[in-house]
Protein backbone atom coordinates (compact mmCIF):
# COMPACT_ATOMS: atom_id res chain seq x y z
CA MET A 1 18.19 116.02 61.74
CA VAL A 2 18.85 116.79 64.86
CA GLU A 3 16.90 118.86 67.06
CA PRO A 4 18.41 122.20 67.81
CA GLN A 5 19.76 122.01 71.54
CA ASP A 6 18.28 126.09 72.23
CA GLY A 7 15.19 125.32 69.99
CA LYS A 8 16.40 127.68 67.32
CA PRO A 9 17.67 126.56 63.67
CA GLY A 10 21.50 126.99 62.90
CA CYS A 11 22.70 127.99 59.72
CA VAL A 12 26.28 128.17 58.33
CA PHE A 13 27.25 130.84 56.04
CA LEU A 14 29.68 130.09 53.66
CA VAL A 15 31.19 133.34 53.29
CA GLY A 16 33.77 134.77 51.13
CA ALA A 17 36.15 137.02 52.66
CA GLY A 18 37.83 138.69 49.31
CA PRO A 19 41.82 139.14 48.85
CA GLY A 20 42.43 140.08 52.73
CA SER A 21 41.50 143.62 53.49
CA LEU A 22 38.55 144.57 55.16
CA ASP A 23 37.89 147.06 52.41
CA TYR A 24 36.96 144.48 49.76
CA LEU A 25 34.82 142.51 52.10
CA THR A 26 30.87 142.51 50.28
CA GLN A 27 28.30 144.03 52.76
CA GLN A 28 26.50 140.64 53.17
CA GLY A 29 29.62 139.18 53.76
CA ARG A 30 30.24 142.27 56.99
CA PHE A 31 26.35 141.25 58.02
CA CYS A 32 27.15 137.96 58.12
CA LEU A 33 29.89 138.55 60.91
CA GLU A 34 28.23 140.87 62.46
CA GLN A 35 25.54 138.85 63.24
CA CYS A 36 27.68 135.46 64.15
CA GLU A 37 27.86 133.00 66.52
CA VAL A 38 30.68 131.22 65.98
CA LEU A 39 33.43 131.55 62.88
CA VAL A 40 35.32 128.95 61.37
CA TYR A 41 38.06 130.60 59.69
CA ASP A 42 41.51 129.79 57.09
CA ALA A 43 44.73 131.06 58.14
CA LEU A 44 44.99 133.39 55.19
CA THR A 45 42.10 135.49 56.31
CA ASP A 46 42.85 138.87 57.56
CA GLU A 47 42.20 139.44 61.66
CA SER A 48 41.34 142.80 60.76
CA LEU A 49 37.89 141.21 60.02
CA ARG A 50 37.06 139.59 63.19
CA GLY A 51 36.77 143.25 64.34
CA LEU A 52 33.47 142.89 63.43
CA LEU A 53 32.53 140.23 65.03
CA PRO A 54 30.25 140.04 68.43
CA PRO A 55 32.40 140.17 71.64
CA ALA A 56 30.58 136.88 72.68
CA CYS A 57 31.72 134.80 69.28
CA GLU A 58 33.76 131.82 69.48
CA LEU A 59 36.58 131.53 66.90
CA ARG A 60 37.83 128.30 65.13
CA ASN A 61 40.92 128.49 63.20
CA VAL A 62 41.30 125.48 61.10
CA GLY A 63 44.29 126.35 59.31
CA LYS A 64 44.32 125.84 55.49
CA ARG A 65 47.81 127.56 54.61
CA GLY A 66 50.14 125.70 51.97
CA GLY A 67 52.87 124.32 53.86
CA ALA A 68 51.31 124.33 56.96
CA PRO A 69 49.49 122.13 59.47
CA SER A 70 45.60 122.72 59.48
CA THR A 71 42.58 120.83 60.28
CA PRO A 72 41.32 117.85 57.71
CA GLN A 73 38.64 118.63 55.52
CA ALA A 74 36.58 115.47 56.91
CA GLU A 75 37.26 117.04 60.39
CA ILE A 76 36.38 120.60 59.36
CA ASN A 77 32.82 118.91 58.05
CA GLN A 78 31.78 117.62 61.19
CA ILE A 79 32.87 120.83 63.35
CA LEU A 80 30.30 122.67 60.70
CA VAL A 81 27.49 120.16 61.16
CA ASP A 82 27.78 119.84 64.98
CA LEU A 83 27.73 123.57 65.45
CA ALA A 84 24.71 123.98 62.92
CA GLN A 85 22.85 120.99 64.89
CA GLN A 86 23.35 122.75 68.14
CA GLY A 87 21.23 126.10 66.33
CA LYS A 88 24.44 128.23 65.74
CA GLN A 89 24.79 131.03 63.50
CA VAL A 90 28.13 129.99 62.10
CA VAL A 91 30.01 131.43 59.59
CA ARG A 92 32.88 129.36 57.87
CA LEU A 93 34.72 132.46 56.27
CA LYS A 94 37.08 131.38 53.64
CA SER A 95 40.03 133.77 51.95
CA GLY A 96 38.48 134.56 48.25
CA ASP A 97 35.49 133.19 46.98
CA PRO A 98 33.88 130.36 48.49
CA PHE A 99 34.01 128.31 45.15
CA VAL A 100 37.13 129.28 43.44
CA PHE A 101 39.22 127.00 44.88
CA GLY A 102 37.82 127.32 48.23
CA ARG A 103 36.37 123.41 48.89
CA ALA A 104 33.75 124.44 50.15
CA THR A 105 31.84 121.26 47.88
CA ALA A 106 32.73 118.67 50.44
CA GLU A 107 31.15 121.32 53.21
CA ILE A 108 28.01 121.87 51.16
CA GLN A 109 27.72 117.89 51.16
CA ALA A 110 28.18 117.22 54.17
CA LEU A 111 25.68 119.77 55.50
CA LYS A 112 22.55 119.03 52.90
CA ALA A 113 23.69 115.03 54.01
CA ALA A 114 22.81 115.99 57.53
CA GLY A 115 19.99 118.09 56.98
CA CYS A 116 21.68 121.41 58.07
CA ALA A 117 20.48 124.71 56.69
CA PHE A 118 23.53 126.56 54.85
CA GLU A 119 23.81 130.05 52.62
CA VAL A 120 27.20 130.74 50.08
CA VAL A 121 28.07 134.46 50.37
CA PRO A 122 30.25 135.76 47.54
CA GLY A 123 33.80 136.94 47.75
CA LEU A 124 36.13 138.93 45.41
CA SER A 125 38.70 136.22 44.28
CA SER A 126 42.42 137.19 44.40
CA ALA A 127 42.77 136.09 40.90
CA LEU A 128 40.64 139.06 39.94
CA VAL A 129 41.59 140.86 42.70
CA ALA A 130 45.17 141.16 42.83
CA PRO A 131 46.26 142.02 39.01
CA LEU A 132 43.54 144.81 39.25
CA LEU A 133 45.60 146.33 42.45
CA ALA A 134 49.11 145.76 40.55
CA GLY A 135 47.35 147.90 37.61
CA ILE A 136 47.63 144.78 35.47
CA PRO A 137 44.60 144.22 33.09
CA LEU A 138 43.54 140.55 32.65
CA THR A 139 42.04 141.53 29.19
CA ASP A 140 43.28 143.77 26.21
CA PRO A 141 42.32 144.12 22.81
CA VAL A 142 45.19 143.49 21.74
CA MET A 143 47.62 142.11 23.95
CA GLY A 144 45.38 139.17 25.47
CA ASN A 145 41.57 138.06 24.68
CA GLY A 146 40.75 135.80 27.47
CA PHE A 147 43.01 134.31 30.38
CA GLY A 148 42.73 131.12 33.15
CA VAL A 149 42.92 130.64 36.37
CA PHE A 150 44.23 127.63 37.78
CA THR A 151 46.08 126.23 41.06
CA ALA A 152 49.74 125.70 40.95
CA HIS A 153 50.72 123.97 44.48
CA ASP A 154 51.24 121.14 42.03
CA VAL A 155 52.35 121.75 38.77
CA ASP A 156 52.67 118.20 38.22
CA ALA A 157 48.84 118.05 37.57
CA LEU A 158 48.83 120.62 35.28
CA ASN A 159 48.24 120.26 31.45
CA TRP A 160 51.41 122.04 30.23
CA GLU A 161 50.64 121.54 27.30
CA ALA A 162 47.48 123.47 27.17
CA LEU A 163 48.77 126.10 29.73
CA VAL A 164 50.94 127.45 27.28
CA GLN A 165 48.59 128.19 23.95
CA LEU A 166 46.45 130.81 26.62
CA PRO A 167 47.18 134.48 26.36
CA THR A 168 47.94 135.18 29.99
CA LEU A 169 47.56 132.77 33.13
CA VAL A 170 46.86 133.34 36.73
CA LEU A 171 48.03 131.15 38.92
CA LEU A 172 47.23 130.78 42.63
CA MET A 173 49.03 128.65 45.47
CA GLY A 174 52.37 128.28 42.97
CA GLY A 175 54.97 130.77 45.18
CA ARG A 176 56.94 127.66 45.88
CA ASN A 177 57.33 126.57 42.88
CA LEU A 178 57.56 129.71 40.83
CA GLU A 179 61.01 128.02 39.12
CA ALA A 180 59.53 125.11 37.93
CA ILE A 181 56.22 126.91 36.45
CA CYS A 182 58.38 128.73 34.36
CA GLN A 183 60.91 126.27 33.20
CA ARG A 184 57.50 124.22 32.23
CA LEU A 185 56.39 127.00 29.85
CA LEU A 186 60.04 127.44 28.51
CA ARG A 187 60.36 124.03 27.94
CA ARG A 188 57.18 124.49 26.00
CA GLU A 189 58.67 127.35 23.52
CA ARG A 190 56.95 130.01 25.63
CA SER A 191 59.06 133.03 25.00
CA PRO A 192 61.73 134.03 27.43
CA PHE A 193 60.73 137.23 27.04
CA THR A 194 56.96 137.33 28.22
CA PRO A 195 56.19 139.36 30.69
CA ILE A 196 55.46 137.81 34.66
CA ALA A 197 54.39 139.73 37.67
CA ILE A 198 54.39 138.11 41.39
CA ILE A 199 51.70 139.98 43.84
CA ARG A 200 52.45 139.23 47.17
CA TRP A 201 49.70 140.32 49.75
CA ALA A 202 47.76 141.44 47.74
CA SER A 203 45.48 144.54 48.64
CA GLN A 204 47.41 144.53 52.34
CA PRO A 205 49.28 147.56 53.52
CA GLN A 206 52.63 144.62 53.17
CA GLN A 207 51.69 144.12 49.34
CA GLN A 208 54.77 143.81 47.12
CA VAL A 209 54.97 143.37 43.42
CA TRP A 210 57.29 142.21 41.18
CA THR A 211 57.52 142.05 37.15
CA GLY A 212 59.97 140.49 34.85
CA THR A 213 60.00 137.92 32.37
CA LEU A 214 59.82 134.23 32.27
CA SER A 215 64.01 133.74 32.32
CA ASP A 216 64.91 136.22 34.92
CA ILE A 217 61.55 136.77 37.26
CA THR A 218 63.21 133.79 39.63
CA GLU A 219 66.05 135.78 40.40
CA ARG A 220 64.51 139.41 40.56
CA VAL A 221 62.22 137.82 43.29
CA ARG A 222 65.22 135.59 45.12
CA SER A 223 67.48 139.14 45.41
CA HIS A 224 64.21 140.94 47.30
CA LEU A 225 63.43 138.49 49.52
CA ASP A 226 64.97 138.20 53.27
CA SER A 227 66.79 134.83 53.89
CA GLY A 228 64.21 132.10 54.52
CA GLN A 229 61.36 134.41 54.12
CA LYS A 230 58.67 133.31 51.78
CA LEU A 231 56.83 134.19 48.58
CA SER A 232 53.73 133.12 49.69
CA PRO A 233 50.70 133.84 49.46
CA CYS A 234 51.35 135.20 45.71
CA ILE A 235 49.29 135.77 42.71
CA ILE A 236 51.35 134.99 39.53
CA VAL A 237 50.26 136.61 36.33
CA ILE A 238 52.19 135.42 32.86
CA GLY A 239 51.24 136.83 29.42
CA GLU A 240 51.93 140.00 27.54
CA VAL A 241 48.98 142.00 29.83
CA VAL A 242 51.81 142.31 32.39
CA SER A 243 53.64 144.93 30.15
CA LEU A 244 50.62 147.45 30.43
CA ARG A 245 51.06 147.74 34.04
CA GLU A 246 53.97 150.58 33.44
CA PHE A 247 50.92 152.65 31.45
CA LEU A 248 48.16 151.64 33.93
CA GLN A 249 49.72 153.29 36.79
CA PRO A 250 48.38 156.44 38.95
CA ASP A 251 50.40 159.50 38.15
CA SER A 252 53.07 160.13 41.04
């Protein structure tokens, strides 16, 4: 291991930022940000979190937003190793939870291979938080006794024969493929009346929720988006539990 340049051991904290809002950052995550010397962050992490950083903290934006340019994973790995070997206290800030589609494995392997200290700090995954904030329970004794969470940025990589059997699906990174997702389920005889919800910018002030069915949700969402506006980032929930939303909203 390379000796730290300033004589102190460096460490990389892989911190889950939660769904976005500062309200849902864990106490341990807050502590790490307050002590951070270098922040290596993804594009989807909310800017308000950076208000917790010390004034002298160095910022490194590595992108990682679907459909936009981002730093190659191998380069991110090397950045983390280099900073740790310089004796820096580094926060690798990831949206959601580091171990839920967070690509933390590659970064940890690189740090271990270089003999660098690291710690993983859990975050609230948007797969769980977004449905809750939209008033949708992911399980119900009658409507659904379980759920599956998948990334849907590549619909051809998913086993739709298996997915159609699950009572409730939670799909991340599927905004661009909403129509294809619905069509693949319909082709496998999922009812066209199956409820579906799209939750955009969960936990943020601009949060939006659309509900409908597999047969009409694409058009419902399209009619509410401005020309050229993207649906992402969003969480897609498919299943009968979505219909419970109207009964679980606070009284106005």
